[in-house]
PDB file of N, CA and C in Angstrom:
ATOM      1  N   MET A   1      28.072  91.931  19.663  1.00  0.00           N
ATOM      2  CA  MET A   1      29.110  92.988  19.522  1.00  0.00           C
ATOM      3  C   MET A   1      29.695  93.659  20.854  1.00  0.00           C
ATOM      4  N   SER A   2      30.760  94.301  19.491  1.00  0.00           N
ATOM      5  CA  SER A   2      32.329  94.832  20.526  1.00  0.00           C
ATOM      6  C   SER A   2      32.388  95.866  21.289  1.00  0.00           C
ATOM      7  N   LYS A   3      32.814  95.745  22.260  1.00  0.00           N
ATOM      8  CA  LYS A   3      33.091  97.077  23.389  1.00  0.00           C
ATOM      9  C   LYS A   3      33.696  97.552  22.938  1.00  0.00           C
ATOM     10  N   GLU A   4      33.412  99.044  23.492  1.00  0.00           N
ATOM     11  CA  GLU A   4      33.945 100.161  23.352  1.00  0.00           C
ATOM     12  C   GLU A   4      35.063 100.685  24.445  1.00  0.00           C
ATOM     13  N   VAL A   5      36.018 101.050  23.818  1.00  0.00           N
ATOM     14  CA  VAL A   5      36.291 101.969  25.543  1.00  0.00           C
ATOM     15  C   VAL A   5      36.091 103.386  25.871  1.00  0.00           C
ATOM     16  N   ASN A   6      35.164 103.714  26.596  1.00  0.00           N
ATOM     17  CA  ASN A   6      34.893 105.114  27.214  1.00  0.00           C
ATOM     18  C   ASN A   6      35.647 106.292  27.517  1.00  0.00           C
ATOM     19  N   ILE A   7      36.814 107.206  26.622  1.00  0.00           N
ATOM     20  CA  ILE A   7      37.577 107.681  27.324  1.00  0.00           C
ATOM     21  C   ILE A   7      37.904 109.306  27.646  1.00  0.00           C
ATOM     22  N   LEU A   8      37.967 110.409  28.384  1.00  0.00           N
ATOM     23  CA  LEU A   8      37.782 111.611  29.059  1.00  0.00           C
ATOM     24  C   LEU A   8      39.179 111.976  28.381  1.00  0.00           C
ATOM     25  N   VAL A   9      39.905 112.336  27.579  1.00  0.00           N
ATOM     26  CA  VAL A   9      40.544 113.646  27.766  1.00  0.00           C
ATOM     27  C   VAL A   9      40.238 114.952  28.577  1.00  0.00           C
ATOM     28  N   ALA A  10      41.235 115.687  29.222  1.00  0.00           N
ATOM     29  CA  ALA A  10      41.020 116.699  29.402  1.00  0.00           C
ATOM     30  C   ALA A  10      42.149 117.812  29.961  1.00  0.00           C
ATOM     31  N   CYS A  11      42.089 118.546  29.983  1.00  0.00           N
ATOM     32  CA  CYS A  11      43.014 119.468  29.717  1.00  0.00           C
ATOM     33  C   CYS A  11      42.426 120.423  31.243  1.00  0.00           C
ATOM     34  N   GLY A  12      43.685 121.571  30.882  1.00  0.00           N
ATOM     35  CA  GLY A  12      42.437 122.891  31.413  1.00  0.00           C
ATOM     36  C   GLY A  12      41.729 123.127  30.816  1.00  0.00           C
ATOM     37  N   SER A  13      41.878 123.800  29.654  1.00  0.00           N
ATOM     38  CA  SER A  13      40.732 124.528  29.352  1.00  0.00           C
ATOM     39  C   SER A  13      39.698 123.598  28.491  1.00  0.00           C
ATOM     40  N   GLY A  14      40.472 122.594  28.473  1.00  0.00           N
ATOM     41  CA  GLY A  14      38.938 121.609  27.548  1.00  0.00           C
ATOM     42  C   GLY A  14      39.113 121.700  26.243  1.00  0.00           C
ATOM     43  N   VAL A  15      40.232 122.583  25.543  1.00  0.00           N
ATOM     44  CA  VAL A  15      40.304 122.814  24.700  1.00  0.00           C
ATOM     45  C   VAL A  15      41.544 122.562  23.563  1.00  0.00           C
ATOM     46  N   ALA A  16      42.699 123.147  23.485  1.00  0.00           N
ATOM     47  CA  ALA A  16      44.069 123.095  23.003  1.00  0.00           C
ATOM     48  C   ALA A  16      44.100 122.038  23.593  1.00  0.00           C
ATOM     49  N   THR A  17      45.343 121.172  24.374  1.00  0.00           N
ATOM     50  CA  THR A  17      45.661 119.834  24.579  1.00  0.00           C
ATOM     51  C   THR A  17      44.881 118.742  24.275  1.00  0.00           C
ATOM     52  N   SER A  18      43.657 118.968  25.223  1.00  0.00           N
ATOM     53  CA  SER A  18      42.574 117.937  24.943  1.00  0.00           C
ATOM     54  C   SER A  18      42.716 117.648  23.793  1.00  0.00           C
ATOM     55  N   THR A  19      42.453 117.960  22.740  1.00  0.00           N
ATOM     56  CA  THR A  19      42.481 118.226  21.395  1.00  0.00           C
ATOM     57  C   THR A  19      43.862 117.664  20.622  1.00  0.00           C
ATOM     58  N   VAL A  20      45.434 118.022  20.798  1.00  0.00           N
ATOM     59  CA  VAL A  20      45.995 117.340  20.117  1.00  0.00           C
ATOM     60  C   VAL A  20      46.279 116.655  20.748  1.00  0.00           C
ATOM     61  N   ALA A  21      45.989 115.648  22.292  1.00  0.00           N
ATOM     62  CA  ALA A  21      46.060 114.198  22.710  1.00  0.00           C
ATOM     63  C   ALA A  21      45.045 113.309  22.178  1.00  0.00           C
ATOM     64  N   GLN A  22      43.709 114.394  22.463  1.00  0.00           N
ATOM     65  CA  GLN A  22      42.479 113.807  21.699  1.00  0.00           C
ATOM     66  C   GLN A  22      43.234 112.546  20.157  1.00  0.00           C
ATOM     67  N   GLU A  23      43.331 114.062  19.467  1.00  0.00           N
ATOM     68  CA  GLU A  23      44.170 113.061  17.987  1.00  0.00           C
ATOM     69  C   GLU A  23      45.455 112.412  17.300  1.00  0.00           C
ATOM     70  N   LYS A  24      46.209 112.461  18.727  1.00  0.00           N
ATOM     71  CA  LYS A  24      47.116 111.552  18.591  1.00  0.00           C
ATOM     72  C   LYS A  24      46.660 110.193  19.457  1.00  0.00           C
ATOM     73  N   VAL A  25      45.816 109.932  21.059  1.00  0.00           N
ATOM     74  CA  VAL A  25      45.174 108.537  20.882  1.00  0.00           C
ATOM     75  C   VAL A  25      44.865 107.632  20.203  1.00  0.00           C
ATOM     76  N   LYS A  26      44.234 108.486  19.152  1.00  0.00           N
ATOM     77  CA  LYS A  26      42.861 108.141  18.215  1.00  0.00           C
ATOM     78  C   LYS A  26      43.564 106.820  17.683  1.00  0.00           C
ATOM     79  N   VAL A  27      45.278 107.755  16.915  1.00  0.00           N
ATOM     80  CA  VAL A  27      45.492 107.218  16.172  1.00  0.00           C
ATOM     81  C   VAL A  27      46.699 105.377  16.770  1.00  0.00           C
ATOM     82  N   ILE A  28      46.779 106.302  17.823  1.00  0.00           N
ATOM     83  CA  ILE A  28      47.453 104.817  18.760  1.00  0.00           C
ATOM     84  C   ILE A  28      46.540 103.997  19.348  1.00  0.00           C
ATOM     85  N   LEU A  29      45.641 103.808  19.804  1.00  0.00           N
ATOM     86  CA  LEU A  29      44.116 103.333  19.422  1.00  0.00           C
ATOM     87  C   LEU A  29      43.968 102.248  18.268  1.00  0.00           C
ATOM     88  N   LYS A  30      43.744 103.614  17.826  1.00  0.00           N
ATOM     89  CA  LYS A  30      43.698 102.928  15.827  1.00  0.00           C
ATOM     90  C   LYS A  30      44.861 101.768  15.231  1.00  0.00           C
ATOM     91  N   ASP A  31      45.922 102.006  15.973  1.00  0.00           N
ATOM     92  CA  ASP A  31      47.402 101.609  14.980  1.00  0.00           C
ATOM     93  C   ASP A  31      47.084  99.489  16.053  1.00  0.00           C
ATOM     94  N   ALA A  32      46.417 100.188  17.334  1.00  0.00           N
ATOM     95  CA  ALA A  32      46.490  98.955  18.816  1.00  0.00           C
ATOM     96  C   ALA A  32      45.485  98.168  18.250  1.00  0.00           C
ATOM     97  N   HIS A  33      44.486  98.359  17.309  1.00  0.00           N
ATOM     98  CA  HIS A  33      42.975  98.036  17.029  1.00  0.00           C
ATOM     99  C   HIS A  33      42.427  97.892  18.281  1.00  0.00           C
ATOM    100  N   VAL A  34      42.017  98.961  18.829  1.00  0.00           N
ATOM    101  CA  VAL A  34      41.255  99.039  20.241  1.00  0.00           C
ATOM    102  C   VAL A  34      40.594  99.508  19.339  1.00  0.00           C
ATOM    103  N   PRO A  35      39.079  99.806  19.905  1.00  0.00           N
ATOM    104  CA  PRO A  35      37.909 100.578  19.840  1.00  0.00           C
ATOM    105  C   PRO A  35      37.286 101.205  20.709  1.00  0.00           C
ATOM    106  N   ALA A  36      37.473 102.701  20.153  1.00  0.00           N
ATOM    107  CA  ALA A  36      36.748 103.890  21.772  1.00  0.00           C
ATOM    108  C   ALA A  36      36.347 104.416  21.226  1.00  0.00           C
ATOM    109  N   LYS A  37      35.920 105.721  21.978  1.00  0.00           N
ATOM    110  CA  LYS A  37      34.850 106.662  22.006  1.00  0.00           C
ATOM    111  C   LYS A  37      35.269 107.271  23.102  1.00  0.00           C
ATOM    112  N   ILE A  38      36.329 108.458  22.199  1.00  0.00           N
ATOM    113  CA  ILE A  38      37.102 109.731  23.195  1.00  0.00           C
ATOM    114  C   ILE A  38      36.151 111.001  22.962  1.00  0.00           C
ATOM    115  N   THR A  39      36.064 112.064  24.300  1.00  0.00           N
ATOM    116  CA  THR A  39      35.345 113.309  24.496  1.00  0.00           C
ATOM    117  C   THR A  39      36.263 114.023  25.298  1.00  0.00           C
ATOM    118  N   LYS A  40      36.031 114.793  25.019  1.00  0.00           N
ATOM    119  CA  LYS A  40      36.782 115.839  25.636  1.00  0.00           C
ATOM    120  C   LYS A  40      36.417 116.827  26.947  1.00  0.00           C
ATOM    121  N   SER A  41      37.176 117.038  28.036  1.00  0.00           N
ATOM    122  CA  SER A  41      36.540 118.052  28.689  1.00  0.00           C
ATOM    123  C   SER A  41      37.382 118.646  29.555  1.00  0.00           C
ATOM    124  N   THR A  42      37.237 119.649  30.693  1.00  0.00           N
ATOM    125  CA  THR A  42      38.319 120.330  31.252  1.00  0.00           C
ATOM    126  C   THR A  42      38.720 119.634  32.481  1.00  0.00           C
ATOM    127  N   LEU A  43      39.339 120.345  33.475  1.00  0.00           N
ATOM    128  CA  LEU A  43      39.448 119.139  34.673  1.00  0.00           C
ATOM    129  C   LEU A  43      39.013 119.047  35.849  1.00  0.00           C
ATOM    130  N   SER A  44      38.493 120.316  35.599  1.00  0.00           N
ATOM    131  CA  SER A  44      37.033 120.887  37.045  1.00  0.00           C
ATOM    132  C   SER A  44      35.904 119.909  36.216  1.00  0.00           C
ATOM    133  N   GLU A  45      35.575 119.575  35.200  1.00  0.00           N
ATOM    134  CA  GLU A  45      34.411 118.241  35.173  1.00  0.00           C
ATOM    135  C   GLU A  45      35.283 116.878  34.979  1.00  0.00           C
ATOM    136  N   ILE A  46      36.424 116.790  35.094  1.00  0.00           N
ATOM    137  CA  ILE A  46      36.469 115.070  35.467  1.00  0.00           C
ATOM    138  C   ILE A  46      35.121 114.692  36.735  1.00  0.00           C
ATOM    139  N   PRO A  47      35.290 115.085  37.558  1.00  0.00           N
ATOM    140  CA  PRO A  47      34.154 114.516  38.770  1.00  0.00           C
ATOM    141  C   PRO A  47      32.986 114.400  38.501  1.00  0.00           C
ATOM    142  N   SER A  48      32.536 115.210  37.250  1.00  0.00           N
ATOM    143  CA  SER A  48      31.264 114.649  37.482  1.00  0.00           C
ATOM    144  C   SER A  48      31.311 114.137  35.954  1.00  0.00           C
ATOM    145  N   LYS A  49      31.566 113.701  35.410  1.00  0.00           N
ATOM    146  CA  LYS A  49      31.465 112.533  33.841  1.00  0.00           C
ATOM    147  C   LYS A  49      32.250 111.463  33.764  1.00  0.00           C
ATOM    148  N   GLN A  50      33.657 111.661  35.224  1.00  0.00           N
ATOM    149  CA  GLN A  50      34.398 109.887  35.582  1.00  0.00           C
ATOM    150  C   GLN A  50      33.281 108.854  35.610  1.00  0.00           C
ATOM    151  N   ASN A  51      31.950 108.614  36.185  1.00  0.00           N
ATOM    152  CA  ASN A  51      31.308 107.876  35.683  1.00  0.00           C
ATOM    153  C   ASN A  51      30.317 106.958  34.702  1.00  0.00           C
ATOM    154  N   ASP A  52      30.327 107.968  33.729  1.00  0.00           N
ATOM    155  CA  ASP A  52      30.415 107.895  31.851  1.00  0.00           C
ATOM    156  C   ASP A  52      31.830 107.079  30.652  1.00  0.00           C
ATOM    157  N   VAL A  53      32.905 107.103  31.943  1.00  0.00           N
ATOM    158  CA  VAL A  53      33.927 106.441  30.965  1.00  0.00           C
ATOM    159  C   VAL A  53      34.211 105.876  31.320  1.00  0.00           C
ATOM    160  N   ASP A  54      34.703 104.866  30.617  1.00  0.00           N
ATOM    161  CA  ASP A  54      36.356 103.817  31.581  1.00  0.00           C
ATOM    162  C   ASP A  54      37.478 104.013  31.502  1.00  0.00           C
ATOM    163  N   LEU A  55      38.040 105.209  31.117  1.00  0.00           N
ATOM    164  CA  LEU A  55      39.588 105.775  31.489  1.00  0.00           C
ATOM    165  C   LEU A  55      39.550 107.619  31.431  1.00  0.00           C
ATOM    166  N   ILE A  56      40.858 107.607  32.368  1.00  0.00           N
ATOM    167  CA  ILE A  56      40.261 109.449  31.981  1.00  0.00           C
ATOM    168  C   ILE A  56      41.745 109.982  31.461  1.00  0.00           C
ATOM    169  N   LEU A  57      42.305 110.242  30.302  1.00  0.00           N
ATOM    170  CA  LEU A  57      43.013 110.860  30.141  1.00  0.00           C
ATOM    171  C   LEU A  57      44.156 112.383  30.090  1.00  0.00           C
ATOM    172  N   THR A  58      45.028 113.042  31.294  1.00  0.00           N
ATOM    173  CA  THR A  58      44.556 114.195  31.569  1.00  0.00           C
ATOM    174  C   THR A  58      45.561 114.413  30.663  1.00  0.00           C
ATOM    175  N   THR A  59      46.100 116.291  30.311  1.00  0.00           N
ATOM    176  CA  THR A  59      47.419 116.637  29.559  1.00  0.00           C
ATOM    177  C   THR A  59      48.165 117.336  30.872  1.00  0.00           C
ATOM    178  N   SER A  60      47.458 117.741  32.423  1.00  0.00           N
ATOM    179  CA  SER A  60      47.872 118.575  33.474  1.00  0.00           C
ATOM    180  C   SER A  60      48.276 117.237  34.879  1.00  0.00           C
ATOM    181  N   LYS A  61      48.323 117.834  35.702  1.00  0.00           N
ATOM    182  CA  LYS A  61      48.364 117.083  36.786  1.00  0.00           C
ATOM    183  C   LYS A  61      47.320 117.039  37.042  1.00  0.00           C
ATOM    184  N   TYR A  62      46.246 116.337  38.048  1.00  0.00           N
ATOM    185  CA  TYR A  62      45.552 115.629  38.308  1.00  0.00           C
ATOM    186  C   TYR A  62      45.576 114.476  39.318  1.00  0.00           C
ATOM    187  N   ASN A  63      45.441 115.814  40.801  1.00  0.00           N
ATOM    188  CA  ASN A  63      45.419 114.306  41.732  1.00  0.00           C
ATOM    189  C   ASN A  63      44.488 113.815  42.949  1.00  0.00           C
ATOM    190  N   LYS A  64      43.208 114.510  42.784  1.00  0.00           N
ATOM    191  CA  LYS A  64      42.466 114.233  43.653  1.00  0.00           C
ATOM    192  C   LYS A  64      41.355 112.419  43.089  1.00  0.00           C
ATOM    193  N   PRO A  65      41.311 112.345  44.157  1.00  0.00           N
ATOM    194  CA  PRO A  65      40.642 110.714  44.224  1.00  0.00           C
ATOM    195  C   PRO A  65      39.228 110.761  43.169  1.00  0.00           C
ATOM    196  N   LEU A  66      39.830 109.110  42.344  1.00  0.00           N
ATOM    197  CA  LEU A  66      38.874 109.362  41.662  1.00  0.00           C
ATOM    198  C   LEU A  66      38.468 107.782  41.194  1.00  0.00           C
ATOM    199  N   ASN A  67      36.965 106.904  40.864  1.00  0.00           N
ATOM    200  CA  ASN A  67      37.248 105.724  40.808  1.00  0.00           C
ATOM    201  C   ASN A  67      37.214 105.041  39.629  1.00  0.00           C
ATOM    202  N   LYS A  68      37.602 105.986  38.568  1.00  0.00           N
ATOM    203  CA  LYS A  68      38.378 105.743  37.230  1.00  0.00           C
ATOM    204  C   LYS A  68      40.334 105.309  36.680  1.00  0.00           C
ATOM    205  N   PRO A  69      40.544 104.605  36.639  1.00  0.00           N
ATOM    206  CA  PRO A  69      41.659 104.430  35.916  1.00  0.00           C
ATOM    207  C   PRO A  69      42.804 106.112  35.433  1.00  0.00           C
ATOM    208  N   VAL A  70      43.589 107.018  35.813  1.00  0.00           N
ATOM    209  CA  VAL A  70      43.777 108.356  35.029  1.00  0.00           C
ATOM    210  C   VAL A  70      44.973 107.576  35.073  1.00  0.00           C
ATOM    211  N   ILE A  71      45.711 108.396  33.988  1.00  0.00           N
ATOM    212  CA  ILE A  71      47.199 108.768  32.983  1.00  0.00           C
ATOM    213  C   ILE A  71      47.407 109.783  32.429  1.00  0.00           C
ATOM    214  N   SER A  72      48.535 110.283  32.960  1.00  0.00           N
ATOM    215  CA  SER A  72      48.787 111.849  32.629  1.00  0.00           C
ATOM    216  C   SER A  72      49.657 111.473  31.227  1.00  0.00           C
ATOM    217  N   VAL A  73      48.729 111.925  29.964  1.00  0.00           N
ATOM    218  CA  VAL A  73      49.661 112.012  28.651  1.00  0.00           C
ATOM    219  C   VAL A  73      49.793 113.187  28.250  1.00  0.00           C
ATOM    220  N   PHE A  74      50.653 114.589  29.212  1.00  0.00           N
ATOM    221  CA  PHE A  74      51.628 115.892  28.748  1.00  0.00           C
ATOM    222  C   PHE A  74      52.640 115.031  27.606  1.00  0.00           C
ATOM    223  N   GLY A  75      53.050 113.718  27.575  1.00  0.00           N
ATOM    224  CA  GLY A  75      53.909 113.776  27.188  1.00  0.00           C
ATOM    225  C   GLY A  75      53.441 113.121  25.786  1.00  0.00           C
ATOM    226  N   LEU A  76      52.875 113.165  25.678  1.00  0.00           N
ATOM    227  CA  LEU A  76      52.410 113.042  23.830  1.00  0.00           C
ATOM    228  C   LEU A  76      52.068 114.448  23.427  1.00  0.00           C
ATOM    229  N   ILE A  77      52.299 115.474  24.095  1.00  0.00           N
ATOM    230  CA  ILE A  77      52.462 116.397  23.349  1.00  0.00           C
ATOM    231  C   ILE A  77      54.014 117.241  23.956  1.00  0.00           C
ATOM    232  N   SER A  78      54.616 117.192  24.814  1.00  0.00           N
ATOM    233  CA  SER A  78      55.538 116.740  24.955  1.00  0.00           C
ATOM    234  C   SER A  78      56.653 115.978  24.106  1.00  0.00           C
ATOM    235  N   GLY A  79      56.350 114.614  24.075  1.00  0.00           N
ATOM    236  CA  GLY A  79      56.932 114.454  22.498  1.00  0.00           C
ATOM    237  C   GLY A  79      57.709 113.390  24.657  1.00  0.00           C
ATOM    238  N   ILE A  80      57.039 113.522  25.437  1.00  0.00           N
ATOM    239  CA  ILE A  80      58.525 113.213  26.052  1.00  0.00           C
ATOM    240  C   ILE A  80      58.285 111.574  26.981  1.00  0.00           C
ATOM    241  N   ASN A  81      58.911 110.736  26.623  1.00  0.00           N
ATOM    242  CA  ASN A  81      58.318 109.504  27.182  1.00  0.00           C
ATOM    243  C   ASN A  81      57.279 108.829  26.506  1.00  0.00           C
ATOM    244  N   GLN A  82      56.752 109.056  25.372  1.00  0.00           N
ATOM    245  CA  GLN A  82      55.814 108.555  24.572  1.00  0.00           C
ATOM    246  C   GLN A  82      55.469 107.046  24.210  1.00  0.00           C
ATOM    247  N   GLU A  83      56.455 106.629  24.085  1.00  0.00           N
ATOM    248  CA  GLU A  83      55.912 104.776  23.845  1.00  0.00           C
ATOM    249  C   GLU A  83      55.542 104.742  25.568  1.00  0.00           C
ATOM    250  N   ASN A  84      56.301 104.919  25.988  1.00  0.00           N
ATOM    251  CA  ASN A  84      55.754 104.506  27.372  1.00  0.00           C
ATOM    252  C   ASN A  84      54.498 104.561  27.619  1.00  0.00           C
ATOM    253  N   ILE A  85      54.014 106.216  27.848  1.00  0.00           N
ATOM    254  CA  ILE A  85      52.400 106.183  27.752  1.00  0.00           C
ATOM    255  C   ILE A  85      51.366 105.428  26.102  1.00  0.00           C
ATOM    256  N   LYS A  86      52.109 105.808  25.371  1.00  0.00           N
ATOM    257  CA  LYS A  86      51.449 104.359  24.773  1.00  0.00           C
ATOM    258  C   LYS A  86      50.862 103.196  24.669  1.00  0.00           C
ATOM    259  N   LYS A  87      51.918 102.705  25.229  1.00  0.00           N
ATOM    260  CA  LYS A  87      51.885 101.179  26.248  1.00  0.00           C
ATOM    261  C   LYS A  87      50.780 101.164  27.608  1.00  0.00           C
ATOM    262  N   GLN A  88      50.498 103.082  28.273  1.00  0.00           N
ATOM    263  CA  GLN A  88      50.430 102.574  29.399  1.00  0.00           C
ATOM    264  C   GLN A  88      49.113 102.384  28.661  1.00  0.00           C
ATOM    265  N   ILE A  89      48.182 103.397  27.748  1.00  0.00           N
ATOM    266  CA  ILE A  89      47.096 103.725  27.496  1.00  0.00           C
ATOM    267  C   ILE A  89      46.414 102.037  26.586  1.00  0.00           C
ATOM    268  N   VAL A  90      47.488 101.599  25.985  1.00  0.00           N
ATOM    269  CA  VAL A  90      46.939 100.175  24.949  1.00  0.00           C
ATOM    270  C   VAL A  90      46.371  99.647  26.152  1.00  0.00           C
ATOM    271  N   ASP A  91      47.505  99.369  26.647  1.00  0.00           N
ATOM    272  CA  ASP A  91      47.393  97.780  28.337  1.00  0.00           C
ATOM    273  C   ASP A  91      46.241  98.177  28.896  1.00  0.00           C
ATOM    274  N   GLU A  92      45.793  99.506  28.809  1.00  0.00           N
ATOM    275  CA  GLU A  92      45.099  99.840  30.045  1.00  0.00           C
ATOM    276  C   GLU A  92      43.368  99.853  29.372  1.00  0.00           C
ATOM    277  N   CYS A  93      43.393 100.105  28.209  1.00  0.00           N
ATOM    278  CA  CYS A  93      42.479  99.372  27.286  1.00  0.00           C
ATOM    279  C   CYS A  93      41.808  98.161  27.093  1.00  0.00           C
ATOM    280  N   ASN A  94      43.267  98.021  27.136  1.00  0.00           N
ATOM    281  CA  ASN A  94      43.027  96.154  27.102  1.00  0.00           C
ATOM    282  C   ASN A  94      42.229  95.339  27.971  1.00  0.00           C
ATOM    283  N   LYS A  95      42.576  95.972  29.178  1.00  0.00           N
ATOM    284  CA  LYS A  95      42.627  95.384  30.325  1.00  0.00           C
ATOM    285  C   LYS A  95      40.878  95.812  30.606  1.00  0.00           C
ATOM    286  N   ILE A  96      40.668  96.667  29.735  1.00  0.00           N
ATOM    287  CA  ILE A  96      38.911  97.486  30.092  1.00  0.00           C
ATOM    288  C   ILE A  96      37.924  96.704  29.374  1.00  0.00           C
ATOM    289  N   LEU A  97      38.732  96.243  28.130  1.00  0.00           N
ATOM    290  CA  LEU A  97      38.167  95.440  27.048  1.00  0.00           C
ATOM    291  C   LEU A  97      38.216  93.864  27.526  1.00  0.00           C
ATOM    292  N   GLY A  98      38.811  93.515  28.781  1.00  0.00           N
ATOM    293  CA  GLY A  98      39.378  92.419  28.961  1.00  0.00           C
ATOM    294  C   GLY A  98      39.908  91.325  28.388  1.00  0.00           C
ATOM    295  N   LYS A  99      40.520  92.143  27.316  1.00  0.00           N
ATOM    296  CA  LYS A  99      42.091  91.233  26.781  1.00  0.00           C
ATOM    297  C   LYS A  99      43.276  91.102  27.423  1.00  0.00           C
TER     298      LYS A  99
END
Protein backbone atom coordinates (compact mmCIF):
# COMPACT_ATOMS: atom_id res chain seq x y z
CA MET A 1 0.00 0.00 0.00
CA SER A 2 1.44 3.36 -0.92
CA LYS A 3 1.62 5.84 1.90
CA GLU A 4 0.15 9.27 1.45
CA VAL A 5 1.21 12.54 2.98
CA ASN A 6 -1.29 14.03 5.41
CA ILE A 7 -1.25 17.79 4.98
CA LEU A 8 -2.95 20.47 7.05
CA VAL A 9 -3.61 23.79 5.30
CA ALA A 10 -4.35 26.53 7.81
CA CYS A 11 -5.39 30.16 7.57
CA GLY A 12 -6.80 32.69 10.01
CA SER A 13 -10.46 31.77 9.50
CA GLY A 14 -10.03 28.25 8.15
CA VAL A 15 -12.08 29.19 5.10
CA ALA A 16 -10.93 31.77 2.59
CA THR A 17 -7.22 31.59 1.82
CA SER A 18 -6.83 27.99 2.99
CA THR A 19 -9.39 26.94 0.34
CA VAL A 20 -7.41 28.70 -2.39
CA ALA A 21 -4.13 27.26 -1.09
CA GLN A 22 -5.64 23.77 -0.78
CA GLU A 23 -6.74 23.76 -4.43
CA LYS A 24 -3.30 24.95 -5.60
CA VAL A 25 -1.50 22.38 -3.44
CA LYS A 26 -3.73 19.60 -4.85
CA VAL A 27 -2.61 20.54 -8.38
CA ILE A 28 1.07 20.84 -7.40
CA LEU A 29 1.08 17.39 -5.76
CA LYS A 30 -0.93 15.78 -8.57
CA ASP A 31 1.59 17.11 -11.11
CA ALA A 32 4.43 15.78 -8.94
CA HIS A 33 2.67 12.39 -8.47
CA VAL A 34 2.65 12.79 -4.69
CA PRO A 35 -0.26 11.02 -2.95
CA ALA A 36 -1.72 13.30 -0.30
CA LYS A 37 -4.71 13.89 1.90
CA ILE A 38 -5.33 17.57 2.59
CA THR A 39 -7.43 18.96 5.41
CA LYS A 40 -8.11 22.58 6.34
CA SER A 41 -8.17 24.33 9.68
CA THR A 42 -7.70 27.64 11.42
CA LEU A 43 -4.30 28.70 12.71
CA SER A 44 -5.52 28.29 16.28
CA GLU A 45 -6.36 24.61 15.64
CA ILE A 46 -2.83 23.72 14.50
CA PRO A 47 -1.47 22.63 17.91
CA SER A 48 -4.36 20.21 18.47
CA LYS A 49 -4.25 18.83 14.93
CA GLN A 50 -0.48 18.62 14.30
CA ASN A 51 -0.18 15.05 15.57
CA ASP A 52 -2.61 13.83 12.88
CA VAL A 53 -0.61 15.24 9.96
CA ASP A 54 2.85 15.03 8.37
CA LEU A 55 3.13 18.57 7.04
CA ILE A 56 1.56 21.92 7.91
CA LEU A 57 1.04 24.67 5.32
CA THR A 58 0.04 28.13 6.53
CA THR A 59 -1.23 31.12 4.57
CA SER A 60 -0.11 33.60 7.23
CA LYS A 61 2.71 33.90 9.73
CA TYR A 62 2.80 31.17 12.35
CA ASN A 63 5.66 31.29 14.82
CA LYS A 64 4.64 28.92 17.60
CA PRO A 65 6.88 25.86 18.01
CA LEU A 66 5.53 22.71 16.38
CA ASN A 67 6.84 19.17 16.05
CA LYS A 68 6.00 18.98 12.33
CA PRO A 69 7.49 20.80 9.33
CA VAL A 70 5.70 24.06 8.49
CA ILE A 71 5.82 25.81 5.12
CA SER A 72 4.32 29.25 4.57
CA VAL A 73 2.31 29.11 1.35
CA PHE A 74 1.07 32.69 1.19
CA GLY A 75 3.01 33.04 -2.07
CA LEU A 76 0.63 30.57 -3.74
CA ILE A 77 -2.11 33.13 -3.17
CA SER A 78 -0.11 36.32 -3.78
CA GLY A 79 1.82 34.87 -6.73
CA ILE A 80 5.14 35.87 -5.15
CA ASN A 81 7.87 33.19 -5.09
CA GLN A 82 5.42 30.47 -6.24
CA GLU A 83 7.99 28.20 -7.87
CA ASN A 84 10.15 28.11 -4.75
CA ILE A 85 7.13 27.29 -2.57
CA LYS A 86 6.02 24.52 -4.97
CA LYS A 87 9.52 23.01 -4.80
CA GLN A 88 9.56 23.21 -0.99
CA ILE A 89 6.19 21.43 -0.77
CA VAL A 90 7.15 18.65 -3.20
CA ASP A 91 10.60 18.17 -1.63
CA GLU A 92 9.15 17.98 1.88
CA CYS A 93 6.43 15.51 0.78
CA ASN A 94 9.01 13.29 -0.93
CA LYS A 95 11.14 13.40 2.23
CA ILE A 96 8.11 12.35 4.31
CA LEU A 97 7.39 9.50 1.86
CA GLY A 98 11.04 8.43 2.04
CA LYS A 99 11.76 9.16 -1.64
